[in-house]
Amino acid sequence: AIISHSDKVILASDISKYDRKAPVRIGSLGDVDMFITNAPLPEASRD
């Protein structure tokens, strides 16, 4: 709901989230306008 009611969405997350698993999908990195993190992304996510 937040994403659908916002003009610009920033995802703020440190790279440790790439080492974790969770069962429910919010969306994709393509659904946000900016992703702020602290390490290079895996190639597929970067693409």
All heavy atoms as atom14 arrays in JSON, in Angstrom:
{
  "sequence": "AIISHSDKVILASDISKYDRKAPVRIGSLGDVDMFITNAPLPEASRD",
  "atom14_mask": [
    [1, 1, 1, 1, 1, 0, 0, 0, 0, 0, 0, 0, 0, 0],
    [1, 1, 1, 1, 1, 1, 1, 1, 0, 0, 0, 0, 0, 0],
    [1, 1, 1, 1, 1, 1, 1, 1, 0, 0, 0, 0, 0, 0],
    [1, 1, 1, 1, 1, 1, 0, 0, 0, 0, 0, 0, 0, 0],
    [1, 1, 1, 1, 1, 1, 1, 1, 1, 1, 0, 0, 0, 0],
    [1, 1, 1, 1, 1, 1, 0, 0, 0, 0, 0, 0, 0, 0],
    [1, 1, 1, 1, 1, 1, 1, 1, 0, 0, 0, 0, 0, 0],
    [1, 1, 1, 1, 1, 1, 1, 1, 1, 0, 0, 0, 0, 0],
    [1, 1, 1, 1, 1, 1, 1, 0, 0, 0, 0, 0, 0, 0],
    [1, 1, 1, 1, 1, 1, 1, 1, 0, 0, 0, 0, 0, 0],
    [1, 1, 1, 1, 1, 1, 1, 1, 0, 0, 0, 0, 0, 0],
    [1, 1, 1, 1, 1, 0, 0, 0, 0, 0, 0, 0, 0, 0],
    [1, 1, 1, 1, 1, 1, 0, 0, 0, 0, 0, 0, 0, 0],
    [1, 1, 1, 1, 1, 1, 1, 1, 0, 0, 0, 0, 0, 0],
    [1, 1, 1, 1, 1, 1, 1, 1, 0, 0, 0, 0, 0, 0],
    [1, 1, 1, 1, 1, 1, 0, 0, 0, 0, 0, 0, 0, 0],
    [1, 1, 1, 1, 1, 1, 1, 1, 1, 0, 0, 0, 0, 0],
    [1, 1, 1, 1, 1, 1, 1, 1, 1, 1, 1, 1, 0, 0],
    [1, 1, 1, 1, 1, 1, 1, 1, 0, 0, 0, 0, 0, 0],
    [1, 1, 1, 1, 1, 1, 1, 1, 1, 1, 1, 0, 0, 0],
    [1, 1, 1, 1, 1, 1, 1, 1, 1, 0, 0, 0, 0, 0],
    [1, 1, 1, 1, 1, 0, 0, 0, 0, 0, 0, 0, 0, 0],
    [1, 1, 1, 1, 1, 1, 1, 0, 0, 0, 0, 0, 0, 0],
    [1, 1, 1, 1, 1, 1, 1, 0, 0, 0, 0, 0, 0, 0],
    [1, 1, 1, 1, 1, 1, 1, 1, 1, 1, 1, 0, 0, 0],
    [1, 1, 1, 1, 1, 1, 1, 1, 0, 0, 0, 0, 0, 0],
    [1, 1, 1, 1, 0, 0, 0, 0, 0, 0, 0, 0, 0, 0],
    [1, 1, 1, 1, 1, 1, 0, 0, 0, 0, 0, 0, 0, 0],
    [1, 1, 1, 1, 1, 1, 1, 1, 0, 0, 0, 0, 0, 0],
    [1, 1, 1, 1, 0, 0, 0, 0, 0, 0, 0, 0, 0, 0],
    [1, 1, 1, 1, 1, 1, 1, 1, 0, 0, 0, 0, 0, 0],
    [1, 1, 1, 1, 1, 1, 1, 0, 0, 0, 0, 0, 0, 0],
    [1, 1, 1, 1, 1, 1, 1, 1, 0, 0, 0, 0, 0, 0],
    [1, 1, 1, 1, 1, 1, 1, 1, 0, 0, 0, 0, 0, 0],
    [1, 1, 1, 1, 1, 1, 1, 1, 1, 1, 1, 0, 0, 0],
    [1, 1, 1, 1, 1, 1, 1, 1, 0, 0, 0, 0, 0, 0],
    [1, 1, 1, 1, 1, 1, 1, 0, 0, 0, 0, 0, 0, 0],
    [1, 1, 1, 1, 1, 1, 1, 1, 0, 0, 0, 0, 0, 0],
    [1, 1, 1, 1, 1, 0, 0, 0, 0, 0, 0, 0, 0, 0],
    [1, 1, 1, 1, 1, 1, 1, 0, 0, 0, 0, 0, 0, 0],
    [1, 1, 1, 1, 1, 1, 1, 1, 0, 0, 0, 0, 0, 0],
    [1, 1, 1, 1, 1, 1, 1, 0, 0, 0, 0, 0, 0, 0],
    [1, 1, 1, 1, 1, 1, 1, 1, 1, 0, 0, 0, 0, 0],
    [1, 1, 1, 1, 1, 0, 0, 0, 0, 0, 0, 0, 0, 0],
    [1, 1, 1, 1, 1, 1, 0, 0, 0, 0, 0, 0, 0, 0],
    [1, 1, 1, 1, 1, 1, 1, 1, 1, 1, 1, 0, 0, 0],
    [1, 1, 1, 1, 1, 1, 1, 1, 0, 0, 0, 0, 0, 0]
  ],
  "atom14_positions": [
    [[0.83, -1.21, 0.0], [0.0, 0.0, 0.0], [0.87, 1.25, 0.0], [0.55, 2.24, -0.69], [-0.92, -0.02, 1.22], [0.0, 0.0, 0.0], [0.0, 0.0, 0.0], [0.0, 0.0, 0.0], [0.0, 0.0, 0.0], [0.0, 0.0, 0.0], [0.0, 0.0, 0.0], [0.0, 0.0, 0.0], [0.0, 0.0, 0.0], [0.0, 0.0, 0.0]],
    [[1.95, 1.23, 0.77], [2.86, 2.38, 0.8], [3.42, 2.65, -0.59], [3.44, 3.79, -1.06], [4.0, 2.12, 1.8], [3.48, 2.01, 3.22], [5.05, 3.23, 1.72], [4.47, 1.39, 4.19], [0.0, 0.0, 0.0], [0.0, 0.0, 0.0], [0.0, 0.0, 0.0], [0.0, 0.0, 0.0], [0.0, 0.0, 0.0], [0.0, 0.0, 0.0]],
    [[3.88, 1.61, -1.25], [4.47, 1.77, -2.59], [3.45, 2.36, -3.56], [3.78, 3.26, -4.35], [5.0, 0.41, -3.1], [6.22, -0.02, -2.27], [5.37, 0.49, -4.58], [6.68, -1.43, -2.54], [0.0, 0.0, 0.0], [0.0, 0.0, 0.0], [0.0, 0.0, 0.0], [0.0, 0.0, 0.0], [0.0, 0.0, 0.0], [0.0, 0.0, 0.0]],
    [[2.21, 1.88, -3.5], [1.2, 2.34, -4.46], [0.72, 3.75, -4.19], [0.12, 4.39, -5.07], [0.02, 1.37, -4.48], [-0.68, 1.41, -3.24], [0.0, 0.0, 0.0], [0.0, 0.0, 0.0], [0.0, 0.0, 0.0], [0.0, 0.0, 0.0], [0.0, 0.0, 0.0], [0.0, 0.0, 0.0], [0.0, 0.0, 0.0], [0.0, 0.0, 0.0]],
    [[0.99, 4.29, -2.98], [0.53, 5.63, -2.63], [1.68, 6.64, -2.47], [1.51, 7.68, -1.84], [-0.29, 5.6, -1.33], [-1.66, 5.02, -1.51], [-1.92, 3.67, -1.5], [-2.87, 5.61, -1.71], [-3.2, 3.45, -1.68], [-3.81, 4.62, -1.81], [0.0, 0.0, 0.0], [0.0, 0.0, 0.0], [0.0, 0.0, 0.0], [0.0, 0.0, 0.0]],
    [[2.82, 6.33, -3.08], [3.98, 7.21, -2.95], [4.54, 7.56, -4.32], [4.61, 6.71, -5.21], [5.07, 6.54, -2.1], [4.58, 6.22, -0.82], [0.0, 0.0, 0.0], [0.0, 0.0, 0.0], [0.0, 0.0, 0.0], [0.0, 0.0, 0.0], [0.0, 0.0, 0.0], [0.0, 0.0, 0.0], [0.0, 0.0, 0.0], [0.0, 0.0, 0.0]],
    [[4.94, 8.83, -4.48], [5.53, 9.25, -5.75], [6.94, 8.74, -5.93], [7.36, 8.42, -7.05], [5.53, 10.79, -5.84], [4.14, 11.36, -5.95], [3.23, 10.64, -6.41], [3.95, 12.53, -5.57], [0.0, 0.0, 0.0], [0.0, 0.0, 0.0], [0.0, 0.0, 0.0], [0.0, 0.0, 0.0], [0.0, 0.0, 0.0], [0.0, 0.0, 0.0]],
    [[7.7, 8.66, -4.85], [9.07, 8.17, -4.92], [9.32, 7.25, -3.74], [9.13, 7.65, -2.59], [10.08, 9.33, -4.92], [11.51, 8.89, -5.2], [12.4, 10.09, -5.48], [13.79, 9.64, -5.93], [14.65, 10.8, -6.3], [0.0, 0.0, 0.0], [0.0, 0.0, 0.0], [0.0, 0.0, 0.0], [0.0, 0.0, 0.0], [0.0, 0.0, 0.0]],
    [[9.77, 6.04, -4.02], [9.98, 5.03, -2.98], [11.47, 4.73, -2.87], [12.14, 4.43, -3.86], [9.21, 3.74, -3.3], [9.47, 2.69, -2.21], [7.73, 4.01, -3.42], [0.0, 0.0, 0.0], [0.0, 0.0, 0.0], [0.0, 0.0, 0.0], [0.0, 0.0, 0.0], [0.0, 0.0, 0.0], [0.0, 0.0, 0.0], [0.0, 0.0, 0.0]],
    [[11.97, 4.81, -1.64], [13.37, 4.5, -1.35], [13.4, 3.25, -0.48], [12.78, 3.21, 0.59], [14.06, 5.66, -0.61], [14.02, 6.94, -1.45], [15.51, 5.29, -0.28], [14.53, 8.18, -0.71], [0.0, 0.0, 0.0], [0.0, 0.0, 0.0], [0.0, 0.0, 0.0], [0.0, 0.0, 0.0], [0.0, 0.0, 0.0], [0.0, 0.0, 0.0]],
    [[14.1, 2.23, -0.94], [14.34, 1.04, -0.13], [15.68, 1.2, 0.56], [16.7, 1.43, -0.1], [14.35, -0.21, -1.01], [14.72, -1.53, -0.31], [13.69, -1.9, 0.75], [14.86, -2.66, -1.33], [0.0, 0.0, 0.0], [0.0, 0.0, 0.0], [0.0, 0.0, 0.0], [0.0, 0.0, 0.0], [0.0, 0.0, 0.0], [0.0, 0.0, 0.0]],
    [[15.69, 1.11, 1.87], [16.92, 1.25, 2.66], [17.2, -0.08, 3.34], [16.42, -0.52, 4.19], [16.76, 2.37, 3.69], [0.0, 0.0, 0.0], [0.0, 0.0, 0.0], [0.0, 0.0, 0.0], [0.0, 0.0, 0.0], [0.0, 0.0, 0.0], [0.0, 0.0, 0.0], [0.0, 0.0, 0.0], [0.0, 0.0, 0.0], [0.0, 0.0, 0.0]],
    [[18.31, -0.72, 2.96], [18.58, -2.05, 3.47], [20.06, -2.37, 3.36], [20.67, -2.11, 2.32], [17.77, -3.09, 2.69], [18.03, -4.39, 3.15], [0.0, 0.0, 0.0], [0.0, 0.0, 0.0], [0.0, 0.0, 0.0], [0.0, 0.0, 0.0], [0.0, 0.0, 0.0], [0.0, 0.0, 0.0], [0.0, 0.0, 0.0], [0.0, 0.0, 0.0]],
    [[20.62, -2.94, 4.42], [22.03, -3.33, 4.34], [22.17, -4.69, 3.65], [21.2, -5.44, 3.51], [22.67, -3.35, 5.73], [22.11, -4.44, 6.62], [22.56, -5.6, 6.48], [21.24, -4.14, 7.45], [0.0, 0.0, 0.0], [0.0, 0.0, 0.0], [0.0, 0.0, 0.0], [0.0, 0.0, 0.0], [0.0, 0.0, 0.0], [0.0, 0.0, 0.0]],
    [[23.37, -4.97, 3.23], [23.61, -6.13, 2.35], [23.41, -7.45, 3.06], [23.31, -8.5, 2.41], [25.04, -6.03, 1.76], [25.16, -6.86, 0.46], [26.08, -6.46, 2.79], [24.33, -6.32, -0.67], [0.0, 0.0, 0.0], [0.0, 0.0, 0.0], [0.0, 0.0, 0.0], [0.0, 0.0, 0.0], [0.0, 0.0, 0.0], [0.0, 0.0, 0.0]],
    [[23.31, -7.46, 4.39], [23.07, -8.73, 5.09], [21.73, -9.33, 4.69], [21.52, -10.55, 4.84], [23.11, -8.53, 6.6], [21.97, -7.81, 7.05], [0.0, 0.0, 0.0], [0.0, 0.0, 0.0], [0.0, 0.0, 0.0], [0.0, 0.0, 0.0], [0.0, 0.0, 0.0], [0.0, 0.0, 0.0], [0.0, 0.0, 0.0], [0.0, 0.0, 0.0]],
    [[20.82, -8.52, 4.16], [19.52, -9.04, 3.74], [19.64, -10.02, 2.57], [18.72, -10.8, 2.32], [18.58, -7.89, 3.38], [18.36, -6.88, 4.51], [17.8, -7.52, 5.76], [17.74, -6.55, 6.93], [16.82, -5.45, 6.72], [0.0, 0.0, 0.0], [0.0, 0.0, 0.0], [0.0, 0.0, 0.0], [0.0, 0.0, 0.0], [0.0, 0.0, 0.0]],
    [[20.78, -9.98, 1.86], [21.01, -10.95, 0.78], [21.37, -12.33, 1.33], [21.35, -13.31, 0.59], [22.12, -10.46, -0.15], [21.62, -9.49, -1.18], [21.74, -8.13, -0.99], [21.01, -9.94, -2.35], [21.27, -7.23, -1.93], [20.54, -9.04, -3.29], [20.67, -7.69, -3.08], [20.21, -6.8, -4.01], [0.0, 0.0, 0.0], [0.0, 0.0, 0.0]],
    [[21.71, -12.41, 2.59], [22.06, -13.69, 3.2], [20.91, -14.28, 3.99], [21.08, -15.26, 4.71], [23.27, -13.51, 4.13], [24.55, -13.23, 3.37], [24.7, -13.78, 2.27], [25.37, -12.45, 3.87], [0.0, 0.0, 0.0], [0.0, 0.0, 0.0], [0.0, 0.0, 0.0], [0.0, 0.0, 0.0], [0.0, 0.0, 0.0], [0.0, 0.0, 0.0]],
    [[19.72, -13.68, 3.89], [18.58, -14.17, 4.64], [17.46, -14.57, 3.68], [17.45, -14.18, 2.52], [18.07, -13.08, 5.6], [19.12, -12.64, 6.6], [18.58, -11.55, 7.5], [17.53, -12.06, 8.38], [16.71, -11.29, 9.07], [16.8, -9.98, 8.97], [15.8, -11.82, 9.85], [0.0, 0.0, 0.0], [0.0, 0.0, 0.0], [0.0, 0.0, 0.0]],
    [[16.54, -15.37, 4.2], [15.38, -15.81, 3.42], [14.12, -15.46, 4.18], [14.07, -15.55, 5.41], [15.45, -17.31, 3.18], [16.63, -17.75, 2.33], [16.66, -19.26, 2.17], [17.86, -19.72, 1.37], [17.91, -21.19, 1.25], [0.0, 0.0, 0.0], [0.0, 0.0, 0.0], [0.0, 0.0, 0.0], [0.0, 0.0, 0.0], [0.0, 0.0, 0.0]],
    [[13.09, -15.06, 3.47], [11.78, -14.78, 4.05], [10.72, -15.27, 3.07], [10.97, -15.32, 1.86], [11.62, -13.29, 4.34], [0.0, 0.0, 0.0], [0.0, 0.0, 0.0], [0.0, 0.0, 0.0], [0.0, 0.0, 0.0], [0.0, 0.0, 0.0], [0.0, 0.0, 0.0], [0.0, 0.0, 0.0], [0.0, 0.0, 0.0], [0.0, 0.0, 0.0]],
    [[9.53, -15.63, 3.54], [8.58, -16.34, 2.68], [7.62, -15.49, 1.86], [7.0, -16.0, 0.93], [7.79, -17.19, 3.68], [7.82, -16.38, 4.93], [9.16, -15.7, 4.96], [0.0, 0.0, 0.0], [0.0, 0.0, 0.0], [0.0, 0.0, 0.0], [0.0, 0.0, 0.0], [0.0, 0.0, 0.0], [0.0, 0.0, 0.0], [0.0, 0.0, 0.0]],
    [[7.46, -14.19, 2.19], [6.39, -13.41, 1.56], [7.0, -12.3, 0.7], [7.85, -11.54, 1.17], [5.43, -12.8, 2.61], [4.21, -12.21, 1.91], [5.01, -13.85, 3.62], [0.0, 0.0, 0.0], [0.0, 0.0, 0.0], [0.0, 0.0, 0.0], [0.0, 0.0, 0.0], [0.0, 0.0, 0.0], [0.0, 0.0, 0.0], [0.0, 0.0, 0.0]],
    [[6.54, -12.18, -0.52], [7.1, -11.23, -1.49], [6.39, -9.89, -1.42], [5.17, -9.81, -1.54], [7.0, -11.79, -2.9], [7.69, -10.97, -3.98], [7.58, -11.68, -5.33], [8.32, -10.98, -6.37], [7.84, -10.01, -7.13], [6.58, -9.6, -6.96], [8.58, -9.43, -8.06], [0.0, 0.0, 0.0], [0.0, 0.0, 0.0], [0.0, 0.0, 0.0]],
    [[7.17, -8.82, -1.22], [6.64, -7.45, -1.3], [6.57, -7.0, -2.75], [5.6, -6.41, -3.2], [7.54, -6.48, -0.51], [7.56, -6.84, 0.97], [7.08, -5.04, -0.7], [8.59, -6.07, 1.79], [0.0, 0.0, 0.0], [0.0, 0.0, 0.0], [0.0, 0.0, 0.0], [0.0, 0.0, 0.0], [0.0, 0.0, 0.0], [0.0, 0.0, 0.0]],
    [[7.62, -7.26, -3.49], [7.74, -6.83, -4.88], [9.17, -7.09, -5.32], [9.81, -8.04, -4.87], [0.0, 0.0, 0.0], [0.0, 0.0, 0.0], [0.0, 0.0, 0.0], [0.0, 0.0, 0.0], [0.0, 0.0, 0.0], [0.0, 0.0, 0.0], [0.0, 0.0, 0.0], [0.0, 0.0, 0.0], [0.0, 0.0, 0.0], [0.0, 0.0, 0.0]],
    [[9.68, -6.24, -6.18], [11.06, -6.39, -6.64], [11.79, -5.07, -6.53], [11.18, -4.01, -6.32], [11.1, -6.9, -8.09], [10.93, -5.83, -9.01], [0.0, 0.0, 0.0], [0.0, 0.0, 0.0], [0.0, 0.0, 0.0], [0.0, 0.0, 0.0], [0.0, 0.0, 0.0], [0.0, 0.0, 0.0], [0.0, 0.0, 0.0], [0.0, 0.0, 0.0]],
    [[13.1, -5.12, -6.7], [13.89, -3.89, -6.7], [13.45, -2.97, -7.82], [13.63, -1.75, -7.73], [15.38, -4.23, -6.84], [16.03, -4.93, -5.64], [17.47, -5.29, -5.97], [15.97, -4.05, -4.4], [0.0, 0.0, 0.0], [0.0, 0.0, 0.0], [0.0, 0.0, 0.0], [0.0, 0.0, 0.0], [0.0, 0.0, 0.0], [0.0, 0.0, 0.0]],
    [[12.85, -3.52, -8.86], [12.34, -2.7, -9.95], [11.12, -1.88, -9.58], [10.72, -0.98, -10.33], [0.0, 0.0, 0.0], [0.0, 0.0, 0.0], [0.0, 0.0, 0.0], [0.0, 0.0, 0.0], [0.0, 0.0, 0.0], [0.0, 0.0, 0.0], [0.0, 0.0, 0.0], [0.0, 0.0, 0.0], [0.0, 0.0, 0.0], [0.0, 0.0, 0.0]],
    [[10.51, -2.18, -8.42], [9.31, -1.45, -7.98], [9.64, -0.21, -7.16], [8.75, 0.54, -6.78], [8.41, -2.36, -7.14], [7.86, -3.53, -7.94], [7.56, -3.33, -9.14], [7.75, -4.63, -7.38], [0.0, 0.0, 0.0], [0.0, 0.0, 0.0], [0.0, 0.0, 0.0], [0.0, 0.0, 0.0], [0.0, 0.0, 0.0], [0.0, 0.0, 0.0]],
    [[10.93, -0.01, -6.83], [11.33, 1.16, -6.05], [12.15, 2.09, -6.94], [12.72, 1.68, -7.95], [12.11, 0.77, -4.79], [11.29, -0.2, -3.93], [13.47, 0.16, -5.12], [0.0, 0.0, 0.0], [0.0, 0.0, 0.0], [0.0, 0.0, 0.0], [0.0, 0.0, 0.0], [0.0, 0.0, 0.0], [0.0, 0.0, 0.0], [0.0, 0.0, 0.0]],
    [[12.2, 3.34, -6.55], [12.93, 4.34, -7.34], [14.41, 4.39, -6.97], [15.25, 4.71, -7.81], [12.31, 5.72, -7.12], [10.87, 5.77, -7.57], [10.64, 5.84, -8.79], [9.97, 5.7, -6.7], [0.0, 0.0, 0.0], [0.0, 0.0, 0.0], [0.0, 0.0, 0.0], [0.0, 0.0, 0.0], [0.0, 0.0, 0.0], [0.0, 0.0, 0.0]],
    [[14.71, 4.08, -5.72], [16.09, 4.14, -5.25], [16.32, 3.04, -4.22], [15.45, 2.76, -3.4], [16.38, 5.51, -4.62], [17.81, 5.7, -4.11], [18.06, 7.35, -3.37], [17.86, 8.39, -4.81], [0.0, 0.0, 0.0], [0.0, 0.0, 0.0], [0.0, 0.0, 0.0], [0.0, 0.0, 0.0], [0.0, 0.0, 0.0], [0.0, 0.0, 0.0]],
    [[17.47, 2.41, -4.31], [17.87, 1.41, -3.35], [19.19, 1.86, -2.72], [20.2, 2.0, -3.41], [18.04, 0.05, -4.03], [18.53, -1.06, -3.13], [18.21, -1.09, -1.78], [19.29, -2.1, -3.65], [18.65, -2.12, -0.96], [19.73, -3.14, -2.85], [19.41, -3.15, -1.5], [0.0, 0.0, 0.0], [0.0, 0.0, 0.0], [0.0, 0.0, 0.0]],
    [[19.16, 2.12, -1.41], [20.35, 2.56, -0.69], [20.84, 1.4, 0.15], [20.11, 0.87, 1.0], [20.07, 3.79, 0.18], [19.54, 4.94, -0.68], [21.34, 4.23, 0.92], [19.18, 6.19, 0.1], [0.0, 0.0, 0.0], [0.0, 0.0, 0.0], [0.0, 0.0, 0.0], [0.0, 0.0, 0.0], [0.0, 0.0, 0.0], [0.0, 0.0, 0.0]],
    [[22.08, 0.98, -0.08], [22.65, -0.17, 0.59], [24.12, 0.09, 0.87], [24.6, 1.2, 0.64], [22.42, -1.45, -0.23], [22.83, -2.6, 0.51], [23.15, -1.39, -1.56], [0.0, 0.0, 0.0], [0.0, 0.0, 0.0], [0.0, 0.0, 0.0], [0.0, 0.0, 0.0], [0.0, 0.0, 0.0], [0.0, 0.0, 0.0], [0.0, 0.0, 0.0]],
    [[24.83, -0.93, 1.34], [26.21, -0.69, 1.76], [27.23, -1.61, 1.1], [28.36, -1.7, 1.59], [26.32, -0.82, 3.28], [26.06, -2.22, 3.78], [25.14, -2.9, 3.3], [26.84, -2.69, 4.74], [0.0, 0.0, 0.0], [0.0, 0.0, 0.0], [0.0, 0.0, 0.0], [0.0, 0.0, 0.0], [0.0, 0.0, 0.0], [0.0, 0.0, 0.0]],
    [[26.85, -2.29, 0.03], [27.8, -3.15, -0.68], [27.27, -3.4, -2.09], [26.07, -3.24, -2.35], [28.01, -4.46, 0.07], [0.0, 0.0, 0.0], [0.0, 0.0, 0.0], [0.0, 0.0, 0.0], [0.0, 0.0, 0.0], [0.0, 0.0, 0.0], [0.0, 0.0, 0.0], [0.0, 0.0, 0.0], [0.0, 0.0, 0.0], [0.0, 0.0, 0.0]],
    [[28.15, -3.77, -3.02], [27.7, -4.05, -4.39], [26.65, -5.15, -4.43], [26.67, -6.09, -3.64], [28.99, -4.49, -5.1], [30.09, -3.87, -4.31], [29.62, -3.89, -2.89], [0.0, 0.0, 0.0], [0.0, 0.0, 0.0], [0.0, 0.0, 0.0], [0.0, 0.0, 0.0], [0.0, 0.0, 0.0], [0.0, 0.0, 0.0], [0.0, 0.0, 0.0]],
    [[25.72, -5.02, -5.37], [24.64, -5.99, -5.52], [25.1, -7.2, -6.32], [26.01, -7.11, -7.13], [23.45, -5.36, -6.25], [22.47, -4.51, -5.46], [23.14, -3.3, -4.85], [21.32, -4.08, -6.38], [0.0, 0.0, 0.0], [0.0, 0.0, 0.0], [0.0, 0.0, 0.0], [0.0, 0.0, 0.0], [0.0, 0.0, 0.0], [0.0, 0.0, 0.0]],
    [[24.45, -8.36, -6.13], [24.67, -9.49, -7.02], [24.33, -9.1, -8.46], [23.51, -8.21, -8.7], [23.71, -10.56, -6.49], [23.48, -10.19, -5.07], [23.53, -8.69, -5.03], [0.0, 0.0, 0.0], [0.0, 0.0, 0.0], [0.0, 0.0, 0.0], [0.0, 0.0, 0.0], [0.0, 0.0, 0.0], [0.0, 0.0, 0.0], [0.0, 0.0, 0.0]],
    [[24.93, -9.77, -9.41], [24.8, -9.37, -10.81], [23.36, -9.34, -11.28], [22.94, -8.4, -11.97], [25.61, -10.33, -11.69], [25.6, -9.96, -13.16], [26.47, -10.86, -14.01], [27.12, -11.77, -13.44], [26.51, -10.67, -15.23], [0.0, 0.0, 0.0], [0.0, 0.0, 0.0], [0.0, 0.0, 0.0], [0.0, 0.0, 0.0], [0.0, 0.0, 0.0]],
    [[22.57, -10.35, -10.93], [21.18, -10.39, -11.4], [20.37, -9.22, -10.86], [19.58, -8.61, -11.6], [20.52, -11.71, -10.98], [0.0, 0.0, 0.0], [0.0, 0.0, 0.0], [0.0, 0.0, 0.0], [0.0, 0.0, 0.0], [0.0, 0.0, 0.0], [0.0, 0.0, 0.0], [0.0, 0.0, 0.0], [0.0, 0.0, 0.0], [0.0, 0.0, 0.0]],
    [[20.58, -8.86, -9.6], [19.87, -7.72, -9.02], [20.34, -6.41, -9.64], [19.54, -5.51, -9.91], [20.1, -7.68, -7.5], [19.53, -8.79, -6.87], [0.0, 0.0, 0.0], [0.0, 0.0, 0.0], [0.0, 0.0, 0.0], [0.0, 0.0, 0.0], [0.0, 0.0, 0.0], [0.0, 0.0, 0.0], [0.0, 0.0, 0.0], [0.0, 0.0, 0.0]],
    [[21.63, -6.32, -9.9], [22.17, -5.12, -10.53], [21.58, -4.93, -11.92], [21.2, -3.82, -12.32], [23.69, -5.22, -10.58], [24.38, -3.95, -11.06], [25.88, -4.03, -10.87], [26.49, -5.11, -11.63], [27.03, -6.2, -11.11], [27.04, -6.37, -9.8], [27.57, -7.13, -11.88], [0.0, 0.0, 0.0], [0.0, 0.0, 0.0], [0.0, 0.0, 0.0]],
    [[21.47, -6.02, -12.67], [20.89, -5.95, -14.02], [19.42, -5.54, -13.97], [18.94, -4.76, -14.8], [21.04, -7.29, -14.73], [22.48, -7.61, -15.08], [23.31, -6.69, -15.04], [22.77, -8.78, -15.39], [0.0, 0.0, 0.0], [0.0, 0.0, 0.0], [0.0, 0.0, 0.0], [0.0, 0.0, 0.0], [0.0, 0.0, 0.0], [0.0, 0.0, 0.0]]
  ]
}
